[in-house]
Amino acid sequence: MLPRKTPEDGDIVVRRETRKGKTVFVLRTAPGPDQYVIDNRDECVAQAVTFAEIERVRAWVSGDRDRFILLNDCRTRRR
C-alpha cells in the first residue's frame, strides 16, 4: 500500500499566505480552522513538528495546487 500523500484528521499543516500585504505562515490541525499565524517560516515549521511529536501525528507543509510535503511522521514514535 502506498503512503498517504495528504493530511489525515489530526495532522498538523503549515501553509504560506499573504495577509495585509505581508507573507505569514499559518499553522492548523487538519481539517480545522487556522490556529496560529507566525511571521517566520522556520519557526512555524519547528512549531508544527513539535506539535506533531506531542500529538503523535504527521506534520505537513502545503504546497501549490493542494499538494502537500511531509515534514515528519511522528505516529509511531514513543515518548
Protein backbone atom coordinates (compact mmCIF):
# COMPACT_ATOMS: atom_id res chain seq x y z
CA MET A 1 0.00 0.00 0.00
CA LEU A 2 1.32 3.44 -0.94
CA PRO A 3 1.76 6.01 1.82
CA ARG A 4 -0.91 8.69 2.01
CA LYS A 5 0.14 11.98 0.39
CA THR A 6 -2.36 14.24 2.12
CA PRO A 7 -3.02 15.08 5.77
CA GLU A 8 -5.45 13.00 7.77
CA ASP A 9 -7.67 14.32 10.55
CA GLY A 10 -5.45 15.48 13.42
CA ASP A 11 -2.31 16.05 11.34
CA ILE A 12 -0.58 19.42 11.62
CA VAL A 13 -0.43 21.58 8.48
CA VAL A 14 1.61 24.71 7.69
CA ARG A 15 0.70 26.95 4.79
CA ARG A 16 2.03 30.24 3.47
CA GLU A 17 -0.31 33.09 2.66
CA THR A 18 -0.39 36.85 2.36
CA ARG A 19 -2.30 38.91 4.89
CA LYS A 20 -2.41 42.69 4.69
CA GLY A 21 0.39 42.61 2.14
CA LYS A 22 2.72 40.56 4.35
CA THR A 23 3.74 36.91 3.96
CA VAL A 24 2.82 34.85 7.02
CA PHE A 25 2.74 31.17 7.86
CA VAL A 26 -0.43 29.61 9.23
CA LEU A 27 -0.49 26.55 11.44
CA ARG A 28 -3.59 24.40 11.90
CA THR A 29 -4.76 20.94 12.81
CA ALA A 30 -6.47 19.27 9.85
CA PRO A 31 -9.27 19.70 8.98
CA GLY A 32 -9.87 22.58 11.40
CA PRO A 33 -9.56 26.34 11.28
CA ASP A 34 -6.32 28.33 11.44
CA GLN A 35 -4.82 28.21 14.94
CA TYR A 36 -1.58 30.21 14.80
CA VAL A 37 -0.18 32.87 12.48
CA ILE A 38 3.61 33.14 12.59
CA ASP A 39 5.81 35.59 10.66
CA ASN A 40 8.81 33.27 10.35
CA ARG A 41 8.71 30.09 8.23
CA ASP A 42 11.38 28.24 10.19
CA GLU A 43 9.64 28.99 13.49
CA CYS A 44 6.30 27.82 12.10
CA VAL A 45 7.79 24.57 10.79
CA ALA A 46 9.52 23.96 14.13
CA GLN A 47 6.21 24.50 15.96
CA ALA A 48 4.42 22.13 13.57
CA VAL A 49 6.97 19.36 14.15
CA THR A 50 6.86 19.91 17.93
CA PHE A 51 3.06 19.70 17.99
CA ALA A 52 3.15 16.61 15.77
CA GLU A 53 5.60 14.92 18.16
CA ILE A 54 3.41 15.72 21.16
CA GLU A 55 0.22 14.55 19.48
CA ARG A 56 1.90 11.64 17.65
CA VAL A 57 0.61 12.70 14.22
CA ARG A 58 2.26 13.91 10.99
CA ALA A 59 3.44 17.43 10.15
CA TRP A 60 2.93 18.78 6.62
CA VAL A 61 3.62 21.90 4.56
CA SER A 62 1.02 22.72 1.94
CA GLY A 63 2.42 23.47 -1.48
CA ASP A 64 1.00 24.68 -4.75
CA ARG A 65 -2.33 23.34 -6.04
CA ASP A 66 -3.27 21.31 -2.97
CA ARG A 67 -0.03 19.35 -2.90
CA PHE A 68 1.49 18.54 0.47
CA ILE A 69 5.05 17.87 1.58
CA LEU A 70 5.53 15.59 4.59
CA LEU A 71 7.83 17.16 7.19
CA ASN A 72 7.76 14.45 9.83
CA ASP A 73 5.75 11.34 10.69
CA CYS A 74 5.50 11.02 14.46
CA ARG A 75 2.69 8.47 14.61
CA THR A 76 4.81 5.51 15.70
CA ARG A 77 7.45 7.20 17.80
CA ARG A 78 7.49 6.57 21.53
CA ARG A 79 7.64 9.40 24.04
